[in-house]
Amino acid sequence: MKHTTNNSPNVTYNQRDAGMFGSSDAGLKTALSDWDSDMGSTERLKDSTDTLLNGNRGDQEGARRLARRLYHLEGFRRSDVAKHLGKNNDFSKMVAEEYLTFFEFTGMTLDQSLRSFLKAFALIGETQERERVLIHFSNRYYQCNPTVISSQDGAHCLTCALMLLNTDLHGHNIGKKMTCQEFINNLEGLNGGQDFPRELLKALHNSIKNDKLEWAM
């Protein structure tokens, strides 16, 4: 499965179940859409908000203040957070970067970090917005653990793979579940042109298999 964006790696997965993974974009959308169906329509977000500054004017201090309030939920609900982090403008990017500094992932495994991150707020909104949030997460994880994965792209690739694995193992209307060996094979060469450590992938597969990813509502 291939995925190419300005901020994302070229990701290739083996197609397994009748084209279930057509591309990593499609696969990620499948995972996120599955979350949407579980949350229900009452959790869907409106597009407008007074604090987003719809233009591209950057204000670092303002972004820092907003990020602090979002993290501590000062005047915001968990369902408000993602829409402030995932817009495609300079201010929202600064807010997201500042928000991620409140998370210290050093020494944590990727699945531990992702679980911690997803419990902090509700990852809802437009699919592209949610994917941008996951890119910010991946960048922060790599920043905290630069020796575990070879690049930010590798961290994002593996984050997407965990999302897809979670849906494969625990989602609805899915037949044969992805084995550990299939998970490893799907990620060959995607750690900056190298393979991810086999023991790392085995541990990640086992973690998601035994304990599905949970997210805030």
N, C-alpha and C. Protein backbone atom coordinates (compact mmCIF):
# COMPACT_ATOMS: atom_id res chain seq x y z
N MET A 1 0.84 -1.17 0.00
CA MET A 1 0.00 0.00 0.00
C MET A 1 0.88 1.22 0.00
N LYS A 2 0.55 2.20 -0.81
CA LYS A 2 1.44 3.34 -0.95
C LYS A 2 0.77 4.61 -0.46
N HIS A 3 1.59 5.41 0.18
CA HIS A 3 1.09 6.65 0.76
C HIS A 3 2.14 7.72 0.54
N THR A 4 1.78 8.78 -0.15
CA THR A 4 2.74 9.85 -0.39
C THR A 4 2.08 11.19 -0.15
N THR A 5 2.61 11.95 0.81
CA THR A 5 2.19 13.33 1.03
C THR A 5 3.45 14.12 1.30
N ASN A 6 3.32 15.44 1.43
CA ASN A 6 4.50 16.25 1.67
C ASN A 6 5.15 15.92 3.00
N ASN A 7 4.32 15.47 3.98
CA ASN A 7 4.85 15.24 5.30
C ASN A 7 4.92 13.77 5.67
N SER A 8 4.60 12.88 4.75
CA SER A 8 4.48 11.48 5.08
C SER A 8 5.39 10.65 4.20
N PRO A 9 5.73 9.43 4.66
CA PRO A 9 6.63 8.57 3.91
C PRO A 9 5.92 7.89 2.77
N ASN A 10 6.72 7.33 1.86
CA ASN A 10 6.17 6.40 0.88
C ASN A 10 6.02 5.07 1.59
N VAL A 11 4.78 4.62 1.77
CA VAL A 11 4.49 3.44 2.56
C VAL A 11 3.94 2.37 1.66
N THR A 12 4.50 1.17 1.72
CA THR A 12 4.02 0.06 0.91
C THR A 12 3.59 -1.08 1.82
N TYR A 13 2.35 -1.51 1.65
CA TYR A 13 1.85 -2.67 2.36
C TYR A 13 1.47 -3.73 1.35
N ASN A 14 1.59 -4.98 1.73
CA ASN A 14 1.08 -6.06 0.90
C ASN A 14 -0.43 -6.08 0.97
N GLN A 15 -1.09 -6.23 -0.17
CA GLN A 15 -2.54 -6.32 -0.15
C GLN A 15 -2.91 -7.73 0.30
N ARG A 16 -3.83 -7.83 1.26
CA ARG A 16 -4.14 -9.09 1.88
C ARG A 16 -5.57 -9.53 1.62
N ASP A 17 -6.51 -8.81 2.10
CA ASP A 17 -7.89 -9.24 2.08
C ASP A 17 -8.69 -8.44 1.06
N ALA A 18 -8.73 -8.93 -0.18
CA ALA A 18 -9.57 -8.33 -1.23
C ALA A 18 -9.35 -6.84 -1.34
N GLY A 19 -8.08 -6.42 -1.32
CA GLY A 19 -7.77 -5.00 -1.49
C GLY A 19 -8.16 -4.15 -0.31
N MET A 20 -8.20 -4.74 0.87
CA MET A 20 -8.58 -3.98 2.06
C MET A 20 -7.70 -2.76 2.25
N PHE A 21 -6.40 -2.91 1.96
CA PHE A 21 -5.48 -1.79 2.08
C PHE A 21 -5.09 -1.34 0.68
N GLY A 22 -5.86 -0.44 0.10
CA GLY A 22 -5.54 0.05 -1.23
C GLY A 22 -4.42 1.04 -1.21
N SER A 23 -4.33 1.86 -0.17
CA SER A 23 -3.26 2.83 0.01
C SER A 23 -3.23 3.15 1.48
N SER A 24 -2.13 3.73 1.98
CA SER A 24 -2.12 4.05 3.39
C SER A 24 -3.10 5.15 3.70
N ASP A 25 -3.33 6.07 2.75
CA ASP A 25 -4.39 7.06 2.95
C ASP A 25 -5.71 6.35 3.15
N ALA A 26 -6.04 5.44 2.24
CA ALA A 26 -7.31 4.72 2.33
C ALA A 26 -7.36 3.88 3.59
N GLY A 27 -6.23 3.24 3.92
CA GLY A 27 -6.21 2.41 5.11
C GLY A 27 -6.40 3.22 6.36
N LEU A 28 -5.73 4.35 6.44
CA LEU A 28 -5.89 5.20 7.61
C LEU A 28 -7.31 5.73 7.69
N LYS A 29 -7.88 6.11 6.54
CA LYS A 29 -9.27 6.56 6.54
C LYS A 29 -10.20 5.46 7.01
N THR A 30 -9.90 4.20 6.64
CA THR A 30 -10.71 3.09 7.10
C THR A 30 -10.67 3.00 8.62
N ALA A 31 -9.46 3.13 9.18
CA ALA A 31 -9.32 3.07 10.63
C ALA A 31 -10.08 4.20 11.30
N LEU A 32 -9.90 5.42 10.78
CA LEU A 32 -10.55 6.57 11.39
C LEU A 32 -12.05 6.54 11.19
N SER A 33 -12.50 6.05 10.03
CA SER A 33 -13.93 5.94 9.80
C SER A 33 -14.56 4.94 10.76
N ASP A 34 -13.80 3.89 11.09
CA ASP A 34 -14.29 2.92 12.06
C ASP A 34 -14.49 3.57 13.41
N TRP A 35 -13.58 4.47 13.77
CA TRP A 35 -13.74 5.21 15.01
C TRP A 35 -14.99 6.07 14.96
N ASP A 36 -15.21 6.75 13.81
CA ASP A 36 -16.38 7.60 13.65
C ASP A 36 -17.66 6.82 13.92
N SER A 37 -17.76 5.62 13.37
CA SER A 37 -18.98 4.84 13.51
C SER A 37 -19.21 4.47 14.96
N ASP A 38 -18.13 4.26 15.72
CA ASP A 38 -18.26 3.93 17.13
C ASP A 38 -18.67 5.14 17.95
N MET A 39 -18.19 6.34 17.57
CA MET A 39 -18.48 7.54 18.35
C MET A 39 -19.89 8.06 18.10
N GLY A 40 -20.40 7.86 16.90
CA GLY A 40 -21.75 8.31 16.60
C GLY A 40 -21.78 9.74 16.13
N SER A 41 -22.87 10.10 15.50
CA SER A 41 -22.97 11.40 14.85
C SER A 41 -22.98 12.55 15.84
N THR A 42 -23.37 12.32 17.09
CA THR A 42 -23.43 13.42 18.05
C THR A 42 -22.07 13.95 18.41
N GLU A 43 -21.00 13.19 18.10
CA GLU A 43 -19.65 13.63 18.43
C GLU A 43 -18.98 14.37 17.28
N ARG A 44 -19.64 14.48 16.13
CA ARG A 44 -19.02 15.14 14.98
C ARG A 44 -18.85 16.63 15.28
N LEU A 45 -17.79 17.19 14.73
CA LEU A 45 -17.45 18.57 15.03
C LEU A 45 -17.99 19.55 14.01
N LYS A 46 -18.23 20.76 14.44
CA LYS A 46 -18.49 21.88 13.54
C LYS A 46 -17.16 22.42 13.06
N ASP A 47 -17.17 23.08 11.90
CA ASP A 47 -15.92 23.56 11.32
C ASP A 47 -15.44 24.88 11.91
N SER A 48 -16.34 25.70 12.42
CA SER A 48 -15.96 27.06 12.79
C SER A 48 -15.61 27.16 14.26
N THR A 49 -14.68 28.06 14.57
CA THR A 49 -14.34 28.38 15.95
C THR A 49 -13.65 29.72 15.96
N ASP A 50 -13.88 30.48 17.02
CA ASP A 50 -13.34 31.83 17.08
C ASP A 50 -11.84 31.85 17.33
N THR A 51 -11.28 30.78 17.89
CA THR A 51 -9.87 30.81 18.29
C THR A 51 -8.93 30.22 17.27
N LEU A 52 -9.43 29.80 16.12
CA LEU A 52 -8.55 29.14 15.16
C LEU A 52 -7.75 30.10 14.29
N LEU A 53 -8.17 31.34 14.18
CA LEU A 53 -7.49 32.29 13.30
C LEU A 53 -7.36 31.69 11.91
N ASN A 54 -8.41 31.75 11.13
CA ASN A 54 -8.50 31.00 9.88
C ASN A 54 -7.41 31.36 8.86
N GLY A 55 -6.79 32.50 9.00
CA GLY A 55 -5.71 32.84 8.08
C GLY A 55 -4.42 32.15 8.46
N ASN A 56 -3.30 32.62 7.88
CA ASN A 56 -2.00 32.01 8.13
C ASN A 56 -1.11 32.85 9.03
N ARG A 57 -1.67 33.85 9.69
CA ARG A 57 -0.85 34.71 10.54
C ARG A 57 -0.39 33.93 11.77
N GLY A 58 0.93 33.88 11.93
CA GLY A 58 1.48 33.12 13.04
C GLY A 58 1.67 33.97 14.28
N ASP A 59 1.38 33.41 15.42
CA ASP A 59 1.56 34.08 16.70
C ASP A 59 2.07 33.03 17.68
N GLN A 60 3.38 32.93 17.84
CA GLN A 60 3.97 31.87 18.64
C GLN A 60 3.49 31.91 20.08
N GLU A 61 3.46 33.08 20.67
CA GLU A 61 3.03 33.17 22.06
C GLU A 61 1.55 32.83 22.20
N GLY A 62 0.75 33.29 21.25
CA GLY A 62 -0.67 32.94 21.26
C GLY A 62 -0.87 31.44 21.09
N ALA A 63 -0.06 30.83 20.23
CA ALA A 63 -0.13 29.39 20.03
C ALA A 63 0.26 28.65 21.30
N ARG A 64 1.27 29.16 21.98
CA ARG A 64 1.71 28.53 23.22
C ARG A 64 0.62 28.61 24.29
N ARG A 65 -0.03 29.76 24.40
CA ARG A 65 -1.10 29.92 25.39
C ARG A 65 -2.27 28.99 25.08
N LEU A 66 -2.66 28.94 23.81
CA LEU A 66 -3.78 28.09 23.43
C LEU A 66 -3.44 26.62 23.66
N ALA A 67 -2.22 26.21 23.31
CA ALA A 67 -1.81 24.83 23.52
C ALA A 67 -1.87 24.45 24.99
N ARG A 68 -1.44 25.36 25.85
CA ARG A 68 -1.47 25.09 27.29
C ARG A 68 -2.91 24.90 27.76
N ARG A 69 -3.80 25.76 27.30
CA ARG A 69 -5.21 25.65 27.69
C ARG A 69 -5.84 24.36 27.15
N LEU A 70 -5.48 23.99 25.93
CA LEU A 70 -6.01 22.76 25.35
C LEU A 70 -5.52 21.54 26.14
N TYR A 71 -4.27 21.54 26.50
CA TYR A 71 -3.71 20.39 27.22
C TYR A 71 -4.36 20.24 28.59
N HIS A 72 -4.56 21.35 29.28
CA HIS A 72 -5.14 21.32 30.62
C HIS A 72 -6.67 21.40 30.59
N LEU A 73 -7.24 21.44 29.38
CA LEU A 73 -8.70 21.52 29.20
C LEU A 73 -9.29 22.69 29.98
N GLU A 74 -8.63 23.83 29.85
CA GLU A 74 -9.10 25.05 30.50
C GLU A 74 -10.05 25.78 29.55
N GLY A 75 -11.34 25.57 29.74
CA GLY A 75 -12.33 26.17 28.87
C GLY A 75 -12.61 25.36 27.62
N PHE A 76 -12.05 24.17 27.53
CA PHE A 76 -12.25 23.30 26.37
C PHE A 76 -12.64 21.90 26.84
N ARG A 77 -13.34 21.19 25.97
CA ARG A 77 -13.64 19.78 26.18
C ARG A 77 -12.64 18.94 25.37
N ARG A 78 -12.55 17.67 25.71
CA ARG A 78 -11.67 16.79 24.95
C ARG A 78 -12.05 16.77 23.48
N SER A 79 -13.32 16.91 23.21
CA SER A 79 -13.79 16.89 21.82
C SER A 79 -13.46 18.16 21.06
N ASP A 80 -12.95 19.18 21.75
CA ASP A 80 -12.58 20.44 21.09
C ASP A 80 -11.15 20.44 20.58
N VAL A 81 -10.31 19.57 21.12
CA VAL A 81 -8.87 19.71 20.95
C VAL A 81 -8.42 19.48 19.51
N ALA A 82 -8.86 18.40 18.89
CA ALA A 82 -8.32 18.01 17.58
C ALA A 82 -8.52 19.08 16.53
N LYS A 83 -9.66 19.79 16.57
CA LYS A 83 -9.92 20.78 15.53
C LYS A 83 -8.96 21.97 15.63
N HIS A 84 -8.34 22.16 16.80
CA HIS A 84 -7.36 23.23 16.95
C HIS A 84 -5.96 22.79 16.53
N LEU A 85 -5.75 21.49 16.41
CA LEU A 85 -4.43 20.97 16.09
C LEU A 85 -4.27 20.58 14.63
N GLY A 86 -5.37 20.33 13.93
CA GLY A 86 -5.28 19.70 12.62
C GLY A 86 -5.57 20.57 11.42
N LYS A 87 -5.83 21.86 11.63
CA LYS A 87 -6.07 22.74 10.48
C LYS A 87 -4.78 22.96 9.70
N ASN A 88 -4.93 23.20 8.41
CA ASN A 88 -3.76 23.36 7.54
C ASN A 88 -3.39 24.83 7.41
N ASN A 89 -3.06 25.46 8.54
CA ASN A 89 -2.54 26.82 8.50
C ASN A 89 -1.42 26.96 9.53
N ASP A 90 -0.64 28.01 9.40
CA ASP A 90 0.56 28.15 10.21
C ASP A 90 0.25 28.19 11.70
N PHE A 91 -0.83 28.88 12.07
CA PHE A 91 -1.14 29.02 13.49
C PHE A 91 -1.48 27.66 14.11
N SER A 92 -2.32 26.90 13.44
CA SER A 92 -2.69 25.59 13.97
C SER A 92 -1.48 24.66 14.05
N LYS A 93 -0.56 24.77 13.08
CA LYS A 93 0.66 23.96 13.14
C LYS A 93 1.48 24.33 14.37
N MET A 94 1.57 25.62 14.67
CA MET A 94 2.30 26.05 15.85
C MET A 94 1.61 25.56 17.11
N VAL A 95 0.28 25.64 17.14
CA VAL A 95 -0.47 25.16 18.30
C VAL A 95 -0.19 23.67 18.51
N ALA A 96 -0.23 22.90 17.43
CA ALA A 96 0.01 21.46 17.54
C ALA A 96 1.42 21.17 18.05
N GLU A 97 2.40 21.87 17.52
CA GLU A 97 3.78 21.65 17.96
C GLU A 97 3.94 22.00 19.44
N GLU A 98 3.32 23.10 19.86
CA GLU A 98 3.38 23.49 21.27
C GLU A 98 2.63 22.47 22.14
N TYR A 99 1.49 22.02 21.67
CA TYR A 99 0.69 21.04 22.42
C TYR A 99 1.48 19.76 22.65
N LEU A 100 2.19 19.31 21.63
CA LEU A 100 2.94 18.05 21.75
C LEU A 100 4.10 18.16 22.73
N THR A 101 4.57 19.38 23.00
CA THR A 101 5.67 19.51 23.96
C THR A 101 5.24 19.14 25.38
N PHE A 102 3.94 19.09 25.62
CA PHE A 102 3.45 18.68 26.94
C PHE A 102 3.53 17.17 27.13
N PHE A 103 3.83 16.44 26.06
CA PHE A 103 3.95 14.98 26.14
C PHE A 103 5.42 14.59 26.13
N GLU A 104 5.83 13.85 27.14
CA GLU A 104 7.21 13.38 27.22
C GLU A 104 7.22 11.88 26.93
N PHE A 105 7.67 11.54 25.72
CA PHE A 105 7.65 10.15 25.28
C PHE A 105 9.00 9.46 25.40
N THR A 106 9.99 10.15 25.93
CA THR A 106 11.34 9.58 26.01
C THR A 106 11.32 8.27 26.79
N GLY A 107 11.88 7.23 26.18
CA GLY A 107 11.97 5.94 26.83
C GLY A 107 10.71 5.10 26.74
N MET A 108 9.65 5.64 26.13
CA MET A 108 8.40 4.90 25.98
C MET A 108 8.38 4.22 24.61
N THR A 109 7.71 3.08 24.53
CA THR A 109 7.51 2.44 23.24
C THR A 109 6.48 3.24 22.44
N LEU A 110 6.44 3.00 21.14
CA LEU A 110 5.52 3.74 20.29
C LEU A 110 4.07 3.49 20.69
N ASP A 111 3.73 2.24 20.98
CA ASP A 111 2.34 1.96 21.36
C ASP A 111 1.98 2.58 22.70
N GLN A 112 2.90 2.60 23.65
CA GLN A 112 2.65 3.27 24.92
C GLN A 112 2.41 4.76 24.71
N SER A 113 3.23 5.36 23.86
CA SER A 113 3.10 6.79 23.59
C SER A 113 1.79 7.09 22.88
N LEU A 114 1.44 6.26 21.90
CA LEU A 114 0.20 6.47 21.16
C LEU A 114 -1.01 6.31 22.07
N ARG A 115 -0.99 5.34 22.95
CA ARG A 115 -2.10 5.16 23.90
C ARG A 115 -2.25 6.39 24.78
N SER A 116 -1.13 6.89 25.30
CA SER A 116 -1.16 8.07 26.15
C SER A 116 -1.72 9.28 25.40
N PHE A 117 -1.28 9.44 24.17
CA PHE A 117 -1.71 10.58 23.35
C PHE A 117 -3.21 10.50 23.05
N LEU A 118 -3.70 9.33 22.66
CA LEU A 118 -5.10 9.20 22.25
C LEU A 118 -6.06 9.33 23.42
N LYS A 119 -5.58 9.12 24.64
CA LYS A 119 -6.43 9.25 25.81
C LYS A 119 -6.57 10.70 26.27
N ALA A 120 -5.73 11.59 25.73
CA ALA A 120 -5.73 12.98 26.18
C ALA A 120 -6.86 13.79 25.57
N PHE A 121 -7.34 13.38 24.41
CA PHE A 121 -8.37 14.15 23.71
C PHE A 121 -9.08 13.23 22.73
N ALA A 122 -10.18 13.71 22.16
CA ALA A 122 -10.94 12.92 21.19
C ALA A 122 -10.43 13.20 19.78
N LEU A 123 -9.88 12.20 19.13
CA LEU A 123 -9.35 12.37 17.78
C LEU A 123 -10.50 12.29 16.78
N ILE A 124 -11.21 13.40 16.63
CA ILE A 124 -12.37 13.46 15.74
C ILE A 124 -12.24 14.68 14.84
N GLY A 125 -13.06 14.73 13.81
CA GLY A 125 -12.99 15.81 12.83
C GLY A 125 -12.80 15.24 11.44
N GLU A 126 -12.43 16.10 10.50
CA GLU A 126 -12.18 15.66 9.14
C GLU A 126 -10.97 14.72 9.10
N THR A 127 -11.00 13.76 8.20
CA THR A 127 -9.93 12.76 8.14
C THR A 127 -8.56 13.39 7.93
N GLN A 128 -8.47 14.38 7.04
CA GLN A 128 -7.18 15.03 6.79
C GLN A 128 -6.68 15.74 8.04
N GLU A 129 -7.60 16.32 8.81
CA GLU A 129 -7.21 17.00 10.04
C GLU A 129 -6.67 16.00 11.06
N ARG A 130 -7.34 14.88 11.18
CA ARG A 130 -6.88 13.86 12.13
C ARG A 130 -5.54 13.28 11.71
N GLU A 131 -5.34 13.12 10.41
CA GLU A 131 -4.06 12.59 9.94
C GLU A 131 -2.94 13.59 10.24
N ARG A 132 -3.21 14.88 10.10
CA ARG A 132 -2.19 15.88 10.45
C ARG A 132 -1.82 15.78 11.93
N VAL A 133 -2.82 15.54 12.78
CA VAL A 133 -2.55 15.40 14.20
C VAL A 133 -1.62 14.21 14.44
N LEU A 134 -1.85 13.12 13.73
CA LEU A 134 -0.99 11.95 13.90
C LEU A 134 0.43 12.20 13.39
N ILE A 135 0.56 13.03 12.37
CA ILE A 135 1.89 13.41 11.89
C ILE A 135 2.62 14.19 12.98
N HIS A 136 1.92 15.12 13.63
CA HIS A 136 2.54 15.87 14.73
C HIS A 136 2.95 14.92 15.86
N PHE A 137 2.10 13.95 16.15
CA PHE A 137 2.45 12.96 17.17
C PHE A 137 3.72 12.20 16.78
N SER A 138 3.78 11.75 15.53
CA SER A 138 4.93 10.97 15.06
C SER A 138 6.21 11.78 15.15
N ASN A 139 6.13 13.05 14.78
CA ASN A 139 7.31 13.91 14.85
C ASN A 139 7.80 14.06 16.28
N ARG A 140 6.85 14.20 17.21
CA ARG A 140 7.22 14.35 18.61
C ARG A 140 7.83 13.05 19.16
N TYR A 141 7.26 11.92 18.77
CA TYR A 141 7.81 10.65 19.24
C TYR A 141 9.25 10.48 18.75
N TYR A 142 9.48 10.82 17.49
CA TYR A 142 10.84 10.71 16.96
C TYR A 142 11.78 11.67 17.68
N GLN A 143 11.31 12.87 17.96
CA GLN A 143 12.12 13.84 18.67
C GLN A 143 12.55 13.30 20.04
N CYS A 144 11.66 12.59 20.71
CA CYS A 144 11.95 12.05 22.03
C CYS A 144 12.76 10.75 21.98
N ASN A 145 12.68 10.04 20.85
CA ASN A 145 13.33 8.73 20.74
C ASN A 145 14.05 8.59 19.40
N PRO A 146 15.06 9.42 19.14
CA PRO A 146 15.70 9.43 17.81
C PRO A 146 16.51 8.18 17.49
N THR A 147 16.82 7.37 18.49
CA THR A 147 17.61 6.17 18.23
C THR A 147 16.76 4.93 18.02
N VAL A 148 15.46 5.03 18.28
CA VAL A 148 14.58 3.86 18.16
C VAL A 148 14.15 3.65 16.72
N ILE A 149 13.81 4.75 16.04
CA ILE A 149 13.36 4.73 14.65
C ILE A 149 14.24 5.69 13.88
N SER A 150 14.50 5.42 12.61
CA SER A 150 15.53 6.14 11.89
C SER A 150 15.14 7.53 11.44
N SER A 151 13.83 7.84 11.37
CA SER A 151 13.41 9.14 10.85
C SER A 151 11.99 9.45 11.28
N GLN A 152 11.58 10.72 11.09
CA GLN A 152 10.20 11.10 11.34
C GLN A 152 9.26 10.34 10.42
N ASP A 153 9.68 10.16 9.17
CA ASP A 153 8.86 9.39 8.23
C ASP A 153 8.66 7.96 8.73
N GLY A 154 9.73 7.37 9.26
CA GLY A 154 9.61 6.02 9.79
C GLY A 154 8.66 5.96 10.96
N ALA A 155 8.72 6.97 11.82
CA ALA A 155 7.81 7.02 12.97
C ALA A 155 6.36 7.15 12.51
N HIS A 156 6.14 7.98 11.48
CA HIS A 156 4.78 8.15 10.98
C HIS A 156 4.29 6.87 10.30
N CYS A 157 5.15 6.24 9.55
CA CYS A 157 4.81 4.98 8.90
C CYS A 157 4.37 3.95 9.93
N LEU A 158 5.15 3.81 11.00
CA LEU A 158 4.84 2.81 12.01
C LEU A 158 3.59 3.18 12.80
N THR A 159 3.37 4.47 13.01
CA THR A 159 2.14 4.91 13.66
C THR A 159 0.92 4.53 12.83
N CYS A 160 0.98 4.80 11.53
CA CYS A 160 -0.12 4.41 10.64
C CYS A 160 -0.32 2.90 10.66
N ALA A 161 0.79 2.16 10.68
CA ALA A 161 0.71 0.70 10.70
C ALA A 161 0.00 0.20 11.95
N LEU A 162 0.26 0.85 13.09
CA LEU A 162 -0.41 0.45 14.33
C LEU A 162 -1.90 0.75 14.27
N MET A 163 -2.25 1.88 13.67
CA MET A 163 -3.66 2.22 13.51
C MET A 163 -4.36 1.18 12.65
N LEU A 164 -3.72 0.81 11.56
CA LEU A 164 -4.30 -0.19 10.66
C LEU A 164 -4.38 -1.55 11.34
N LEU A 165 -3.34 -1.91 12.07
CA LEU A 165 -3.33 -3.19 12.77
C LEU A 165 -4.45 -3.24 13.81
N ASN A 166 -4.65 -2.14 14.51
CA ASN A 166 -5.71 -2.09 15.52
C ASN A 166 -7.07 -2.33 14.88
N THR A 167 -7.30 -1.71 13.72
CA THR A 167 -8.57 -1.91 13.02
C THR A 167 -8.68 -3.34 12.49
N ASP A 168 -7.57 -3.87 11.98
CA ASP A 168 -7.57 -5.23 11.44
C ASP A 168 -7.90 -6.25 12.53
N LEU A 169 -7.31 -6.07 13.70
CA LEU A 169 -7.48 -7.06 14.77
C LEU A 169 -8.77 -6.87 15.56
N HIS A 170 -9.24 -5.63 15.65
CA HIS A 170 -10.36 -5.35 16.55
C HIS A 170 -11.56 -4.68 15.88
N GLY A 171 -11.45 -4.36 14.58
CA GLY A 171 -12.54 -3.68 13.89
C GLY A 171 -13.68 -4.61 13.55
N HIS A 172 -14.73 -4.03 12.98
CA HIS A 172 -15.92 -4.78 12.61
C HIS A 172 -15.79 -5.31 11.18
N ASN A 173 -16.48 -6.40 10.91
CA ASN A 173 -16.62 -6.93 9.54
C ASN A 173 -15.28 -7.25 8.89
N ILE A 174 -14.37 -7.79 9.64
CA ILE A 174 -13.07 -8.17 9.10
C ILE A 174 -12.88 -9.66 9.31
N GLY A 175 -12.42 -10.35 8.29
CA GLY A 175 -12.26 -11.80 8.37
C GLY A 175 -10.96 -12.20 9.02
N LYS A 176 -10.07 -12.78 8.23
CA LYS A 176 -8.79 -13.27 8.74
C LYS A 176 -7.97 -12.13 9.33
N LYS A 177 -7.48 -12.34 10.54
CA LYS A 177 -6.71 -11.31 11.23
C LYS A 177 -5.25 -11.34 10.79
N MET A 178 -4.63 -10.17 10.79
CA MET A 178 -3.23 -10.07 10.39
C MET A 178 -2.33 -10.76 11.40
N THR A 179 -1.51 -11.65 10.92
CA THR A 179 -0.56 -12.34 11.79
C THR A 179 0.64 -11.44 12.06
N CYS A 180 1.42 -11.84 13.05
CA CYS A 180 2.64 -11.09 13.36
C CYS A 180 3.58 -11.10 12.17
N GLN A 181 3.72 -12.24 11.51
CA GLN A 181 4.63 -12.33 10.36
C GLN A 181 4.16 -11.44 9.22
N GLU A 182 2.87 -11.38 8.98
CA GLU A 182 2.34 -10.49 7.94
C GLU A 182 2.63 -9.03 8.29
N PHE A 183 2.45 -8.68 9.56
CA PHE A 183 2.73 -7.33 10.02
C PHE A 183 4.19 -6.98 9.76
N ILE A 184 5.09 -7.90 10.07
CA ILE A 184 6.52 -7.68 9.85
C ILE A 184 6.82 -7.56 8.36
N ASN A 185 6.24 -8.45 7.56
CA ASN A 185 6.48 -8.42 6.12
C ASN A 185 6.00 -7.13 5.49
N ASN A 186 4.86 -6.63 5.95
CA ASN A 186 4.29 -5.40 5.40
C ASN A 186 5.19 -4.19 5.60
N LEU A 187 6.05 -4.25 6.61
CA LEU A 187 6.87 -3.09 6.97
C LEU A 187 8.32 -3.23 6.53
N GLU A 188 8.61 -4.19 5.69
CA GLU A 188 9.98 -4.40 5.23
C GLU A 188 10.51 -3.16 4.51
N GLY A 189 11.69 -2.70 4.91
CA GLY A 189 12.37 -1.61 4.23
C GLY A 189 11.81 -0.23 4.49
N LEU A 190 10.91 -0.09 5.45
CA LEU A 190 10.24 1.20 5.64
C LEU A 190 10.79 2.01 6.80
N ASN A 191 11.91 1.58 7.36
CA ASN A 191 12.57 2.34 8.41
C ASN A 191 13.76 3.07 7.81
N GLY A 192 13.47 4.09 7.01
CA GLY A 192 14.53 4.81 6.32
C GLY A 192 15.28 3.94 5.34
N GLY A 193 14.57 3.05 4.66
CA GLY A 193 15.19 2.13 3.72
C GLY A 193 15.66 0.84 4.35
N GLN A 194 15.63 0.77 5.66
CA GLN A 194 16.02 -0.43 6.39
C GLN A 194 14.78 -1.08 7.01
N ASP A 195 14.96 -2.26 7.53
CA ASP A 195 13.87 -2.91 8.25
C ASP A 195 13.80 -2.39 9.68
N PHE A 196 12.59 -2.30 10.21
CA PHE A 196 12.45 -2.05 11.64
C PHE A 196 12.96 -3.29 12.39
N PRO A 197 13.50 -3.11 13.58
CA PRO A 197 13.94 -4.28 14.35
C PRO A 197 12.80 -5.29 14.51
N ARG A 198 13.10 -6.53 14.21
CA ARG A 198 12.07 -7.57 14.24
C ARG A 198 11.43 -7.69 15.63
N GLU A 199 12.25 -7.62 16.66
CA GLU A 199 11.71 -7.76 18.02
C GLU A 199 10.79 -6.59 18.36
N LEU A 200 11.09 -5.41 17.83
CA LEU A 200 10.22 -4.25 18.04
C LEU A 200 8.85 -4.50 17.44
N LEU A 201 8.82 -4.98 16.20
CA LEU A 201 7.55 -5.21 15.52
C LEU A 201 6.77 -6.34 16.19
N LYS A 202 7.46 -7.37 16.64
CA LYS A 202 6.78 -8.46 17.33
C LYS A 202 6.14 -7.96 18.62
N ALA A 203 6.85 -7.11 19.35
CA ALA A 203 6.32 -6.56 20.60
C ALA A 203 5.11 -5.66 20.33
N LEU A 204 5.19 -4.85 19.26
CA LEU A 204 4.08 -3.96 18.93
C LEU A 204 2.85 -4.75 18.51
N HIS A 205 3.05 -5.77 17.68
CA HIS A 205 1.92 -6.59 17.25
C HIS A 205 1.27 -7.26 18.46
N ASN A 206 2.07 -7.80 19.34
CA ASN A 206 1.55 -8.48 20.52
C ASN A 206 0.78 -7.52 21.42
N SER A 207 1.30 -6.30 21.56
CA SER A 207 0.64 -5.29 22.40
C SER A 207 -0.74 -4.93 21.86
N ILE A 208 -0.82 -4.66 20.56
CA ILE A 208 -2.10 -4.28 19.96
C ILE A 208 -3.07 -5.46 19.95
N LYS A 209 -2.55 -6.65 19.72
CA LYS A 209 -3.40 -7.85 19.71
C LYS A 209 -4.05 -8.08 21.07
N ASN A 210 -3.27 -7.90 22.13
CA ASN A 210 -3.76 -8.19 23.47
C ASN A 210 -4.52 -7.04 24.11
N ASP A 211 -4.30 -5.84 23.62
CA ASP A 211 -4.92 -4.66 24.24
C ASP A 211 -5.15 -3.61 23.17
N LYS A 212 -6.36 -3.53 22.65
CA LYS A 212 -6.65 -2.62 21.55
C LYS A 212 -6.45 -1.17 21.96
N LEU A 213 -6.15 -0.34 20.99
CA LEU A 213 -6.01 1.09 21.24
C LEU A 213 -7.35 1.67 21.67
N GLU A 214 -7.32 2.47 22.72
CA GLU A 214 -8.51 3.16 23.19
C GLU A 214 -8.28 4.66 23.00
N TRP A 215 -9.36 5.40 22.85
CA TRP A 215 -9.24 6.84 22.65
C TRP A 215 -10.30 7.55 23.44
N ALA A 216 -10.04 8.79 23.78
CA ALA A 216 -10.98 9.58 24.57
C ALA A 216 -12.23 9.89 23.76
N MET A 217 -13.31 10.10 24.45
CA MET A 217 -14.58 10.42 23.80
C MET A 217 -14.94 11.87 24.09
